[in-house]
Amino acid sequence: MPTNYISFKETGYFSKLMCDYISQKEELKPFYNRFPTLENFKAQIEEKKASFPMENRKVLASVLQSQYKNIDTSSATQAHITALADENTFTVVTGHQLNLFTGPLYFLYKIVSTINLAKQLQETYPNNHFVPIYWMATEDHDFEEINYFNFNGKKFQWKGPETKETGGAVGELPNNGLEDVYELFSQELGVGKDAETLKNWFKEAYLEHDNLTDATRYLANRIFGNEGLVIIDGADKNLKQLFVPYMETEMFQQDSQKAVTETIEALNNVDASYKIQVNPREINLFYLSKGLRERIIEVDGKYAVNETDISWTKEELKKHLQEHPELFSPNVMTRPLYQEVILPNLCYIGGGGEIAYWLELKSFFQTAAVPFPMLLLRNSALIINKKQVKKLEKLNISFEQLFLKRHTFINRKVREISNININFDEQKAHLVAQFQEMYRLAELTDKSFLGAVKAQEVKQLKGLANLEKRLLKAQKKKLSDHVSRIVEIQNDLFPNESLQERTDNFANSYEEYGNEFIKLLLSELDPLRQDFVILTV
């Protein structure tokens, strides 16, 4: 099964900030701790070991044992959980929402990147123990982002439980209403062992578990449990108790807003085109209760839950936080800090948007005196089957050309396959040269004619451009069959003119290749090779 690579920059699908980060642009170095190379992990291990309390390890291991008590746990995962109580054990983490049936393909790529990095670290630093962690975003509240998946070009969407109260933590949502999705999905699946496996996984995860948290944990464990993946739910009172001092600081000193705002300004000074992912609020914490996850705000010296009647004095809030830390939830700015406080973590693996907002946080971590983890852009891949490879070869389409935007892709291929060279660059250059002589003559005779000469040049160049466009359109029509075939293959591989991994569900490949597909990802995705991967199956 051949594997090919293309640089992230060449794909055209990754931001300038991510491309600059991958190339280790000098001006970006102040915004991260260490760039993720095997050699750099040595210092990261030493820094984390020196700062991570043993008490936190004991709490972590105990909580994970409790969270796994009703799970069919592999020996590899159990060994990892036990090892977390030891001072020489460290984690590699990825996080993701509780997308229905894992959502888009890149959910798998994130976890495979995490598992494979832990394996590489184990080989390089055998005196330590490395645990791959999937952090479930159980306290997110954006139901519309996670309630569907795409299979065979169709969208399978969960309307939500009838009793769903909007705005609460999605992990608590009961799974009722998913029977309808199961029936539709079952009808769409083909026959055979692997189709039956997918059907059973969906049924066991969502129809035999009470809520979205338990369903997601079950499914991720079924797919990756044998690889030793450890799945953690941060919505736990004992874990949040460890984070209480940091939440107090966030509410009463509000250090994060100042630190992150200054970092955003510094990033903009490096390059104004960098897209800022997250802007901090004064207090970057939510309050949780049934059906509610709402911001905590300060109003006239008191503290309140936005758009509710809940409020406290400063002393009341301190007491409430100490007694019920589970009712407080970090937002996107403070969740990374929470993760690093409760885990002996070395590296966070995420997508481009995630790494971009982590780059805003280093000074905030310094203020909190918590080591900043290494940041690794997850693996990205395009899955191409042998039939599609044959089509590409027949149409003489290279992998690089596939990543072109639709209009550019079609125009380039039409010019390439046409027996007429519809490219007026030479004529335009000749015209510009002729007008240079006219400009010279106008200078020598009457400078007032310069404007008229310029207008005539613009008019004729525009005319040539329009003629080129019309001829190209006519040639496309003449070659419409060929154009439709190249559009069809690009549509297959880039649904909705987006990366396959952002649209398709893993079931598309699993139904055809079964567990060999998971094995292929584990064998071919190298997390430290920062290139886009093209996998032929």
Protein backbone atom coordinates (compact mmCIF):
# COMPACT_ATOMS: atom_id res chain seq x y z
CA MET A 1 0.00 0.00 0.00
CA PRO A 2 2.05 2.97 -1.26
CA THR A 3 2.17 6.13 0.83
CA ASN A 4 2.85 9.53 -0.71
CA TYR A 5 3.39 12.92 0.84
CA ILE A 6 2.74 16.54 -0.01
CA SER A 7 3.76 19.50 2.15
CA PHE A 8 1.02 21.13 4.20
CA LYS A 9 1.76 24.41 2.43
CA GLU A 10 1.34 22.85 -1.03
CA THR A 11 -2.12 21.56 -0.18
CA GLY A 12 -3.46 25.11 0.14
CA TYR A 13 -5.70 23.96 3.01
CA PHE A 14 -3.57 25.08 5.96
CA SER A 15 -3.22 28.57 7.39
CA LYS A 16 -0.12 30.68 7.03
CA LEU A 17 0.34 30.52 10.80
CA MET A 18 0.43 26.72 10.73
CA CYS A 19 2.82 26.64 7.78
CA ASP A 20 5.09 29.14 9.53
CA TYR A 21 4.96 27.10 12.74
CA ILE A 22 5.85 23.85 10.95
CA SER A 23 8.78 25.56 9.24
CA GLN A 24 9.86 26.89 12.67
CA LYS A 25 9.76 30.52 11.67
CA GLU A 26 12.16 32.35 13.96
CA GLU A 27 9.66 35.04 15.00
CA LEU A 28 7.22 32.41 16.30
CA LYS A 29 9.65 30.76 18.72
CA PRO A 30 8.64 32.97 21.70
CA PHE A 31 5.10 31.57 21.44
CA TYR A 32 5.90 27.93 22.17
CA ASN A 33 8.08 26.01 24.57
CA ARG A 34 9.94 23.44 22.46
CA PHE A 35 9.32 22.31 18.90
CA PRO A 36 8.23 18.64 18.82
CA THR A 37 11.28 16.57 17.89
CA LEU A 38 12.32 13.34 19.62
CA GLU A 39 15.47 15.05 20.93
CA ASN A 40 13.52 17.96 22.45
CA PHE A 41 11.34 15.65 24.53
CA LYS A 42 14.26 14.99 26.90
CA ALA A 43 14.13 18.50 28.34
CA GLN A 44 10.32 18.48 28.35
CA ILE A 45 10.31 15.27 30.40
CA GLU A 46 12.73 16.75 32.93
CA GLU A 47 10.71 19.98 33.24
CA LYS A 48 7.40 18.19 33.75
CA LYS A 49 8.82 15.64 36.17
CA ALA A 50 10.25 18.38 38.37
CA SER A 51 6.97 20.27 38.56
CA PHE A 52 4.17 17.68 38.59
CA PRO A 53 3.02 16.75 42.13
CA MET A 54 2.78 13.11 43.16
CA GLU A 55 -0.56 13.90 44.82
CA ASN A 56 -1.99 14.81 41.43
CA ARG A 57 -0.79 11.48 40.04
CA LYS A 58 -2.57 9.56 42.79
CA VAL A 59 -5.82 11.42 42.20
CA LEU A 60 -5.54 10.94 38.43
CA ALA A 61 -4.91 7.20 38.64
CA SER A 62 -7.75 6.76 41.12
CA VAL A 63 -10.23 8.73 38.99
CA LEU A 64 -9.32 6.77 35.86
CA GLN A 65 -9.75 3.46 37.69
CA SER A 66 -13.21 4.63 38.66
CA GLN A 67 -14.09 5.83 35.16
CA TYR A 68 -13.04 2.47 33.71
CA LYS A 69 -14.71 0.27 36.34
CA ASN A 70 -17.53 -0.81 34.00
CA ILE A 71 -15.45 -0.85 30.82
CA ASP A 72 -13.97 -3.91 29.14
CA THR A 73 -10.41 -2.69 29.49
CA SER A 74 -7.44 -4.09 27.57
CA SER A 75 -4.32 -5.11 29.47
CA ALA A 76 -2.42 -2.33 27.66
CA THR A 77 -4.85 0.36 28.81
CA GLN A 78 -4.96 -1.01 32.36
CA ALA A 79 -1.17 -1.01 32.50
CA HIS A 80 -1.12 2.61 31.39
CA ILE A 81 -3.65 3.66 34.03
CA THR A 82 -1.69 1.92 36.76
CA ALA A 83 1.58 3.45 35.54
CA LEU A 84 0.23 6.99 35.80
CA ALA A 85 0.80 6.85 39.57
CA ASP A 86 4.55 6.54 38.92
CA GLU A 87 6.77 9.62 38.68
CA ASN A 88 8.40 8.38 35.46
CA THR A 89 5.13 8.16 33.53
CA PHE A 90 4.07 10.92 31.16
CA THR A 91 1.21 11.51 28.76
CA VAL A 92 0.66 12.59 25.18
CA VAL A 93 -2.80 14.12 24.75
CA THR A 94 -5.33 14.87 22.08
CA GLY A 95 -8.81 16.21 22.71
CA HIS A 96 -12.00 16.15 20.73
CA GLN A 97 -15.73 16.74 20.92
CA LEU A 98 -18.22 13.91 21.41
CA ASN A 99 -19.12 13.76 17.72
CA LEU A 100 -21.78 11.22 16.82
CA PHE A 101 -20.09 7.97 15.71
CA THR A 102 -16.74 9.83 15.89
CA GLY A 103 -17.82 12.46 13.33
CA PRO A 104 -15.24 13.35 10.65
CA LEU A 105 -12.27 11.13 9.81
CA TYR A 106 -9.73 13.37 11.49
CA PHE A 107 -10.98 12.17 14.88
CA LEU A 108 -9.17 8.91 14.11
CA TYR A 109 -6.10 10.71 12.79
CA LYS A 110 -5.80 12.66 16.05
CA ILE A 111 -5.88 9.52 18.16
CA VAL A 112 -3.54 7.56 15.87
CA SER A 113 -1.06 10.46 15.99
CA THR A 114 -1.23 10.34 19.80
CA ILE A 115 -0.80 6.56 20.03
CA ASN A 116 2.09 6.54 17.57
CA LEU A 117 3.92 9.40 19.28
CA ALA A 118 3.68 7.57 22.62
CA LYS A 119 5.17 4.48 20.95
CA GLN A 120 8.05 6.49 19.45
CA LEU A 121 8.79 8.10 22.80
CA GLN A 122 8.77 4.69 24.48
CA GLU A 123 11.43 3.47 22.05
CA THR A 124 13.54 6.60 22.46
CA TYR A 125 13.25 6.94 26.25
CA PRO A 126 12.78 3.36 27.56
CA ASN A 127 13.36 4.34 31.21
CA ASN A 128 10.09 6.28 31.17
CA HIS A 129 6.51 5.27 30.45
CA PHE A 130 4.33 7.08 27.91
CA VAL A 131 0.53 7.02 27.83
CA PRO A 132 -1.67 8.13 24.91
CA ILE A 133 -4.69 10.09 26.19
CA TYR A 134 -7.94 11.05 24.49
CA TRP A 135 -9.55 13.93 26.39
CA MET A 136 -13.32 13.85 25.84
CA ALA A 137 -14.84 17.33 25.60
CA THR A 138 -17.80 16.28 27.73
CA GLU A 139 -18.54 19.81 28.96
CA ASP A 140 -18.89 21.42 25.55
CA HIS A 141 -22.38 22.72 24.88
CA ASP A 142 -22.59 23.16 21.10
CA PHE A 143 -24.90 20.29 20.21
CA GLU A 144 -25.23 21.31 16.54
CA GLU A 145 -21.50 20.77 15.97
CA ILE A 146 -21.56 17.13 17.06
CA ASN A 147 -25.02 15.68 16.30
CA TYR A 148 -24.30 14.16 12.87
CA PHE A 149 -21.89 12.19 10.69
CA ASN A 150 -21.56 11.68 6.93
CA PHE A 151 -21.58 8.21 5.39
CA ASN A 152 -21.84 7.32 1.69
CA GLY A 153 -22.49 10.96 0.87
CA LYS A 154 -25.49 11.11 3.22
CA LYS A 155 -25.87 13.02 6.47
CA PHE A 156 -27.08 11.03 9.48
CA GLN A 157 -28.32 13.52 12.04
CA TRP A 158 -29.57 13.16 15.59
CA LYS A 159 -32.30 15.63 16.48
CA GLY A 160 -31.46 15.13 20.13
CA PRO A 161 -33.37 13.59 23.01
CA GLU A 162 -36.93 14.82 23.43
CA THR A 163 -36.08 16.09 26.90
CA LYS A 164 -32.91 17.89 25.78
CA GLU A 165 -32.44 21.21 27.49
CA THR A 166 -30.29 23.37 25.27
CA GLY A 167 -27.12 24.90 26.58
CA GLY A 168 -26.00 22.23 29.03
CA ALA A 169 -22.95 19.99 28.85
CA VAL A 170 -23.36 17.61 25.89
CA GLY A 171 -21.77 14.71 27.76
CA GLU A 172 -24.83 14.49 30.01
CA LEU A 173 -27.31 14.21 27.13
CA PRO A 174 -29.36 11.02 27.25
CA ASN A 175 -29.09 8.90 24.11
CA ASN A 176 -32.79 8.54 23.44
CA GLY A 177 -33.75 9.42 19.90
CA LEU A 178 -30.69 7.67 18.46
CA GLU A 179 -32.74 4.57 17.62
CA ASP A 180 -33.93 6.35 14.46
CA VAL A 181 -30.36 7.16 13.41
CA TYR A 182 -29.40 3.54 14.03
CA GLU A 183 -32.21 2.26 11.79
CA LEU A 184 -31.30 4.59 8.93
CA PHE A 185 -27.59 3.84 9.24
CA SER A 186 -28.26 0.09 9.31
CA GLN A 187 -30.27 0.34 6.10
CA GLU A 188 -27.46 2.24 4.38
CA LEU A 189 -24.76 -0.26 5.37
CA GLY A 190 -24.04 -3.12 3.02
CA VAL A 191 -23.67 -6.76 3.96
CA GLY A 192 -20.67 -8.58 5.34
CA LYS A 193 -18.65 -8.91 8.52
CA ASP A 194 -17.31 -5.36 8.60
CA ALA A 195 -20.69 -3.76 7.92
CA GLU A 196 -22.10 -5.86 10.74
CA THR A 197 -19.29 -4.70 13.04
CA LEU A 198 -20.14 -1.06 12.36
CA LYS A 199 -23.82 -1.74 13.01
CA ASN A 200 -23.02 -3.45 16.31
CA TRP A 201 -20.63 -0.72 17.42
CA PHE A 202 -23.28 1.94 16.87
CA LYS A 203 -25.93 -0.11 18.66
CA GLU A 204 -23.73 -1.03 21.61
CA ALA A 205 -22.38 2.51 22.02
CA TYR A 206 -25.54 4.57 21.68
CA LEU A 207 -28.48 2.25 22.37
CA GLU A 208 -26.91 0.36 25.28
CA HIS A 209 -25.41 3.34 27.12
CA ASP A 210 -27.27 6.11 28.91
CA ASN A 211 -25.49 9.24 27.77
CA LEU A 212 -23.15 10.67 25.16
CA THR A 213 -20.09 10.51 27.43
CA ASP A 214 -20.44 6.78 28.09
CA ALA A 215 -21.26 6.08 24.43
CA THR A 216 -18.20 7.94 23.15
CA ARG A 217 -15.89 6.31 25.69
CA TYR A 218 -17.22 2.88 24.73
CA LEU A 219 -16.75 3.47 21.00
CA ALA A 220 -13.24 4.95 21.25
CA ASN A 221 -12.25 2.08 23.52
CA ARG A 222 -13.62 -0.50 21.06
CA ILE A 223 -11.58 0.99 18.22
CA PHE A 224 -8.34 1.80 20.06
CA GLY A 225 -8.40 0.02 23.42
CA ASN A 226 -5.96 -2.67 22.31
CA GLU A 227 -3.46 0.09 21.52
CA GLY A 228 -3.49 1.19 25.15
CA LEU A 229 -5.47 4.40 24.60
CA VAL A 230 -6.65 5.96 27.86
CA ILE A 231 -9.84 8.00 27.65
CA ILE A 232 -10.43 10.69 30.29
CA ASP A 233 -13.48 12.69 31.27
CA GLY A 234 -12.39 15.91 32.93
CA ALA A 235 -15.89 16.46 34.37
CA ASP A 236 -14.92 14.96 37.72
CA LYS A 237 -15.09 16.53 41.18
CA ASN A 238 -11.77 15.09 42.37
CA LEU A 239 -9.91 16.26 39.28
CA LYS A 240 -11.46 19.70 39.46
CA GLN A 241 -10.50 19.95 43.12
CA LEU A 242 -6.88 20.02 41.92
CA PHE A 243 -7.77 22.98 39.71
CA VAL A 244 -9.52 25.06 42.39
CA PRO A 245 -6.53 27.37 43.12
CA TYR A 246 -6.25 28.19 39.41
CA MET A 247 -9.99 28.83 39.11
CA GLU A 248 -9.83 31.17 42.11
CA THR A 249 -7.03 33.11 40.46
CA GLU A 250 -8.98 33.24 37.19
CA MET A 251 -12.10 34.64 38.88
CA PHE A 252 -10.51 37.07 41.29
CA GLN A 253 -7.29 38.19 39.58
CA GLN A 254 -8.22 37.62 35.91
CA ASP A 255 -4.60 37.16 34.83
CA SER A 256 -5.46 35.23 31.69
CA GLN A 257 -7.14 38.11 29.89
CA LYS A 258 -4.14 40.41 30.25
CA ALA A 259 -1.58 37.72 29.33
CA VAL A 260 -3.47 36.37 26.32
CA THR A 261 -4.41 39.82 25.00
CA GLU A 262 -0.74 40.82 25.03
CA THR A 263 0.20 37.58 23.26
CA ILE A 264 -2.43 38.14 20.57
CA GLU A 265 -1.02 41.61 19.97
CA ALA A 266 2.50 40.17 19.73
CA LEU A 267 1.31 37.52 17.23
CA ASN A 268 -0.29 40.24 15.12
CA ASN A 269 3.01 42.11 15.16
CA VAL A 270 4.72 39.03 13.73
CA ASP A 271 2.19 38.81 10.91
CA ALA A 272 -1.08 40.75 10.72
CA SER A 273 -2.58 38.02 8.50
CA TYR A 274 -2.53 35.44 11.30
CA LYS A 275 -6.12 34.60 12.21
CA ILE A 276 -6.76 34.92 15.93
CA GLN A 277 -8.74 31.89 17.10
CA VAL A 278 -9.97 32.91 20.55
CA ASN A 279 -10.28 36.23 22.36
CA PRO A 280 -10.21 36.03 26.18
CA ARG A 281 -12.95 37.26 28.46
CA GLU A 282 -12.47 38.82 31.89
CA ILE A 283 -13.41 35.50 33.52
CA ASN A 284 -12.84 32.40 31.40
CA LEU A 285 -14.99 29.95 33.33
CA PHE A 286 -18.52 28.60 32.99
CA TYR A 287 -21.02 27.56 35.62
CA LEU A 288 -22.72 24.19 35.18
CA SER A 289 -26.11 22.93 36.27
CA LYS A 290 -28.79 20.81 34.64
CA GLY A 291 -29.33 22.11 31.12
CA LEU A 292 -27.07 25.10 31.79
CA ARG A 293 -23.48 26.00 30.94
CA GLU A 294 -23.21 29.76 31.15
CA ARG A 295 -20.44 32.33 31.67
CA ILE A 296 -19.47 33.65 35.10
CA ILE A 297 -19.29 37.45 35.09
CA GLU A 298 -18.39 40.17 37.58
CA VAL A 299 -20.99 42.89 38.03
CA ASP A 300 -20.59 45.76 40.49
CA GLY A 301 -18.28 43.82 42.80
CA LYS A 302 -20.48 40.72 42.82
CA TYR A 303 -20.25 37.58 40.76
CA ALA A 304 -23.09 36.16 38.68
CA VAL A 305 -23.99 33.55 36.11
CA ASN A 306 -24.79 35.34 32.87
CA GLU A 307 -28.49 35.47 31.92
CA THR A 308 -29.59 33.83 35.19
CA ASP A 309 -30.57 34.94 38.70
CA ILE A 310 -27.60 33.11 40.25
CA SER A 311 -25.11 35.40 42.01
CA TRP A 312 -22.62 35.42 44.91
CA THR A 313 -20.44 37.73 46.90
CA LYS A 314 -16.72 37.06 46.59
CA GLU A 315 -16.63 35.06 49.82
CA GLU A 316 -19.75 33.09 48.88
CA LEU A 317 -18.25 32.21 45.53
CA LYS A 318 -14.97 31.08 47.12
CA LYS A 319 -16.88 28.80 49.48
CA HIS A 320 -19.07 27.43 46.68
CA LEU A 321 -16.03 26.72 44.53
CA GLN A 322 -14.29 24.84 47.34
CA GLU A 323 -17.37 22.76 48.13
CA HIS A 324 -18.57 22.11 44.57
CA PRO A 325 -15.71 22.45 42.05
CA GLU A 326 -17.57 20.08 39.70
CA LEU A 327 -20.06 22.91 38.99
CA PHE A 328 -17.35 25.06 37.43
CA SER A 329 -16.13 24.45 33.90
CA PRO A 330 -13.11 25.88 32.06
CA ASN A 331 -13.75 27.51 28.70
CA VAL A 332 -11.55 27.23 25.62
CA MET A 333 -8.93 29.52 27.18
CA THR A 334 -8.61 27.74 30.53
CA ARG A 335 -9.26 24.12 29.49
CA PRO A 336 -5.64 23.73 28.29
CA LEU A 337 -4.38 24.86 31.70
CA TYR A 338 -6.76 22.44 33.44
CA GLN A 339 -5.42 19.63 31.28
CA GLU A 340 -1.82 20.42 32.14
CA VAL A 341 -2.56 20.74 35.87
CA ILE A 342 -4.15 17.29 36.18
CA LEU A 343 -2.01 15.35 33.65
CA PRO A 344 1.77 14.73 33.60
CA ASN A 345 1.61 15.82 29.99
CA LEU A 346 4.42 16.48 27.52
CA CYS A 347 2.66 17.24 24.25
CA TYR A 348 -0.73 18.29 22.92
CA ILE A 349 -1.71 17.04 19.45
CA GLY A 350 -4.39 18.99 17.61
CA GLY A 351 -5.60 20.43 14.35
CA GLY A 352 -4.51 23.74 12.89
CA GLY A 353 -7.16 25.79 14.68
CA GLU A 354 -6.33 24.19 18.01
CA ILE A 355 -2.58 24.71 17.70
CA ALA A 356 -3.26 28.32 16.69
CA TYR A 357 -5.13 29.07 19.92
CA TRP A 358 -2.55 27.17 22.03
CA LEU A 359 0.05 29.58 20.59
CA GLU A 360 -1.89 32.37 22.30
CA LEU A 361 -1.46 30.79 25.74
CA LYS A 362 2.24 30.49 26.61
CA SER A 363 2.46 33.69 28.66
CA PHE A 364 -0.73 32.70 30.53
CA PHE A 365 0.93 29.39 31.48
CA GLN A 366 4.02 31.28 32.65
CA THR A 367 1.82 33.46 34.87
CA ALA A 368 0.25 30.32 36.32
CA ALA A 369 3.70 28.68 36.77
CA VAL A 370 2.66 25.56 34.83
CA PRO A 371 5.00 24.10 32.14
CA PHE A 372 3.77 24.77 28.61
CA PRO A 373 3.46 21.52 26.61
CA MET A 374 4.96 20.88 23.21
CA LEU A 375 2.48 21.44 20.38
CA LEU A 376 2.18 19.01 17.48
CA LEU A 377 -0.01 19.41 14.41
CA ARG A 378 -1.93 16.15 14.01
CA ASN A 379 -1.54 13.90 10.99
CA SER A 380 -3.74 14.69 8.00
CA ALA A 381 -4.44 12.18 5.26
CA LEU A 382 -6.29 11.55 2.02
CA ILE A 383 -7.55 8.00 1.46
CA ILE A 384 -7.51 6.90 -2.19
CA ASN A 385 -8.58 3.44 -3.33
CA LYS A 386 -7.00 1.54 -6.22
CA LYS A 387 -9.94 2.22 -8.54
CA GLN A 388 -9.55 5.96 -7.95
CA VAL A 389 -5.79 5.72 -8.55
CA LYS A 390 -6.47 4.14 -11.95
CA LYS A 391 -8.86 6.97 -12.81
CA LEU A 392 -6.25 9.55 -11.86
CA GLU A 393 -3.66 7.82 -14.01
CA LYS A 394 -6.05 7.61 -16.98
CA LEU A 395 -6.88 11.30 -16.67
CA ASN A 396 -3.20 12.16 -16.10
CA ILE A 397 -3.96 13.92 -12.79
CA SER A 398 -1.16 14.18 -10.25
CA PHE A 399 -1.75 14.12 -6.50
CA GLU A 400 -0.57 17.73 -6.32
CA GLN A 401 -3.15 18.83 -8.91
CA LEU A 402 -5.95 17.25 -6.88
CA PHE A 403 -5.43 19.82 -4.14
CA LEU A 404 -5.97 22.78 -6.47
CA LYS A 405 -9.15 24.80 -6.02
CA ARG A 406 -11.86 23.71 -8.45
CA HIS A 407 -11.65 26.63 -10.90
CA THR A 408 -7.85 26.51 -11.10
CA PHE A 409 -7.88 22.71 -11.36
CA ILE A 410 -10.29 22.69 -14.33
CA ASN A 411 -8.58 25.54 -16.18
CA ARG A 412 -5.16 23.97 -15.78
CA LYS A 413 -6.35 20.55 -16.99
CA VAL A 414 -8.23 22.06 -19.96
CA ARG A 415 -5.12 23.89 -21.06
CA GLU A 416 -3.08 20.75 -20.52
CA ILE A 417 -5.29 18.40 -22.57
CA SER A 418 -6.30 20.90 -25.26
CA ASN A 419 -4.57 20.92 -28.63
CA ILE A 420 -5.00 24.68 -28.60
CA ASN A 421 -2.83 26.77 -26.32
CA ILE A 422 -5.32 29.19 -24.84
CA ASN A 423 -2.84 31.37 -23.04
CA PHE A 424 -2.39 34.97 -24.09
CA ASP A 425 0.50 35.79 -21.73
CA GLU A 426 2.86 36.23 -24.67
CA GLN A 427 0.42 38.50 -26.52
CA LYS A 428 -0.15 40.56 -23.36
CA ALA A 429 3.59 40.99 -22.88
CA HIS A 430 3.96 42.04 -26.53
CA LEU A 431 1.13 44.56 -26.14
CA VAL A 432 2.70 46.05 -22.99
CA ALA A 433 6.01 46.40 -24.85
CA GLN A 434 4.28 48.22 -27.73
CA PHE A 435 2.64 50.65 -25.35
CA GLN A 436 6.01 51.45 -23.77
CA GLU A 437 6.97 52.96 -27.11
CA MET A 438 3.69 54.93 -27.19
CA TYR A 439 4.39 56.27 -23.71
CA ARG A 440 7.83 57.41 -24.93
CA LEU A 441 6.30 59.22 -27.92
CA ALA A 442 3.69 60.92 -25.73
CA GLU A 443 6.45 62.13 -23.36
CA LEU A 444 8.31 63.66 -26.31
CA THR A 445 5.27 65.29 -27.92
CA ASP A 446 2.49 66.14 -25.49
CA LYS A 447 2.37 64.69 -21.96
CA SER A 448 -1.37 65.31 -21.79
CA PHE A 449 -1.76 62.25 -24.05
CA LEU A 450 -0.29 59.92 -21.37
CA GLY A 451 -3.71 59.38 -19.82
CA ALA A 452 -5.25 58.48 -23.17
CA VAL A 453 -2.41 56.04 -23.89
CA LYS A 454 -2.89 54.41 -20.48
CA ALA A 455 -6.65 54.10 -21.03
CA GLN A 456 -6.08 52.45 -24.39
CA GLU A 457 -3.55 50.01 -22.87
CA VAL A 458 -5.97 49.00 -20.12
CA LYS A 459 -8.79 48.60 -22.64
CA GLN A 460 -6.77 46.36 -24.96
CA LEU A 461 -5.34 44.23 -22.15
CA LYS A 462 -8.85 43.78 -20.76
CA GLY A 463 -10.06 42.82 -24.22
CA LEU A 464 -7.34 40.17 -24.53
CA ALA A 465 -8.20 38.81 -21.06
CA ASN A 466 -11.90 38.58 -21.94
CA LEU A 467 -11.12 36.87 -25.24
CA GLU A 468 -8.88 34.37 -23.44
CA LYS A 469 -11.65 33.66 -20.94
CA ARG A 470 -14.27 33.15 -23.67
CA LEU A 471 -12.05 30.84 -25.69
CA LEU A 472 -11.25 28.83 -22.56
CA LYS A 473 -14.97 28.56 -21.81
CA ALA A 474 -15.63 27.35 -25.34
CA GLN A 475 -12.85 24.79 -25.05
CA LYS A 476 -14.25 23.56 -21.73
CA LYS A 477 -17.60 23.03 -23.45
CA LYS A 478 -15.90 21.14 -26.25
CA LEU A 479 -14.10 18.99 -23.71
CA SER A 480 -17.11 18.75 -21.36
CA ASP A 481 -16.92 14.96 -21.00
CA HIS A 482 -13.30 15.11 -19.88
CA VAL A 483 -14.05 18.04 -17.55
CA SER A 484 -16.97 16.19 -15.96
CA ARG A 485 -14.73 13.19 -15.26
CA ILE A 486 -12.00 15.24 -13.61
CA VAL A 487 -14.62 17.10 -11.55
CA GLU A 488 -16.18 13.78 -10.55
CA ILE A 489 -12.91 12.33 -9.23
CA GLN A 490 -12.11 15.53 -7.34
CA ASN A 491 -15.62 15.54 -5.87
CA ASP A 492 -15.14 11.95 -4.71
CA LEU A 493 -11.90 12.78 -2.93
CA PHE A 494 -12.72 16.34 -1.82
CA PRO A 495 -16.42 16.30 -0.89
CA ASN A 496 -17.96 19.78 -0.82
CA GLU A 497 -14.60 21.07 -2.11
CA SER A 498 -13.12 20.40 1.32
CA LEU A 499 -10.61 17.94 2.70
CA GLN A 500 -12.00 14.40 2.87
CA GLU A 501 -10.98 14.14 6.53
CA ARG A 502 -13.24 17.06 7.46
CA THR A 503 -16.35 15.50 5.92
CA ASP A 504 -16.30 11.70 5.65
CA ASN A 505 -16.79 9.34 8.57
CA PHE A 506 -14.41 6.45 9.19
CA ALA A 507 -17.25 4.01 8.38
CA ASN A 508 -16.78 4.74 4.66
CA SER A 509 -13.39 3.02 4.74
CA TYR A 510 -14.07 0.56 7.56
CA GLU A 511 -17.03 -0.97 5.73
CA GLU A 512 -14.75 -1.84 2.83
CA TYR A 513 -11.47 -2.69 4.57
CA GLY A 514 -12.42 -3.53 8.13
CA ASN A 515 -9.78 -3.45 10.85
CA GLU A 516 -7.06 -3.41 8.18
CA PHE A 517 -7.96 0.25 7.73
CA ILE A 518 -7.14 1.01 11.39
CA LYS A 519 -3.92 -1.02 11.09
CA LEU A 520 -2.99 0.96 7.97
CA LEU A 521 -3.37 4.26 9.82
CA LEU A 522 -1.32 2.99 12.74
CA SER A 523 1.46 1.77 10.45
CA GLU A 524 1.63 4.74 8.06
CA LEU A 525 0.90 7.89 10.08
CA ASP A 526 4.13 9.23 11.53
CA PRO A 527 3.22 12.12 13.86
CA LEU A 528 6.65 13.75 13.69
CA ARG A 529 6.74 13.80 9.88
CA GLN A 530 5.02 17.11 9.26
CA ASP A 531 3.63 16.43 5.78
CA PHE A 532 0.16 15.70 4.43
CA VAL A 533 -0.19 11.93 3.83
CA ILE A 534 -1.79 10.31 0.78
CA LEU A 535 -2.71 6.70 1.51
CA THR A 536 -3.59 4.23 -1.22
CA VAL A 537 -5.77 1.35 0.01
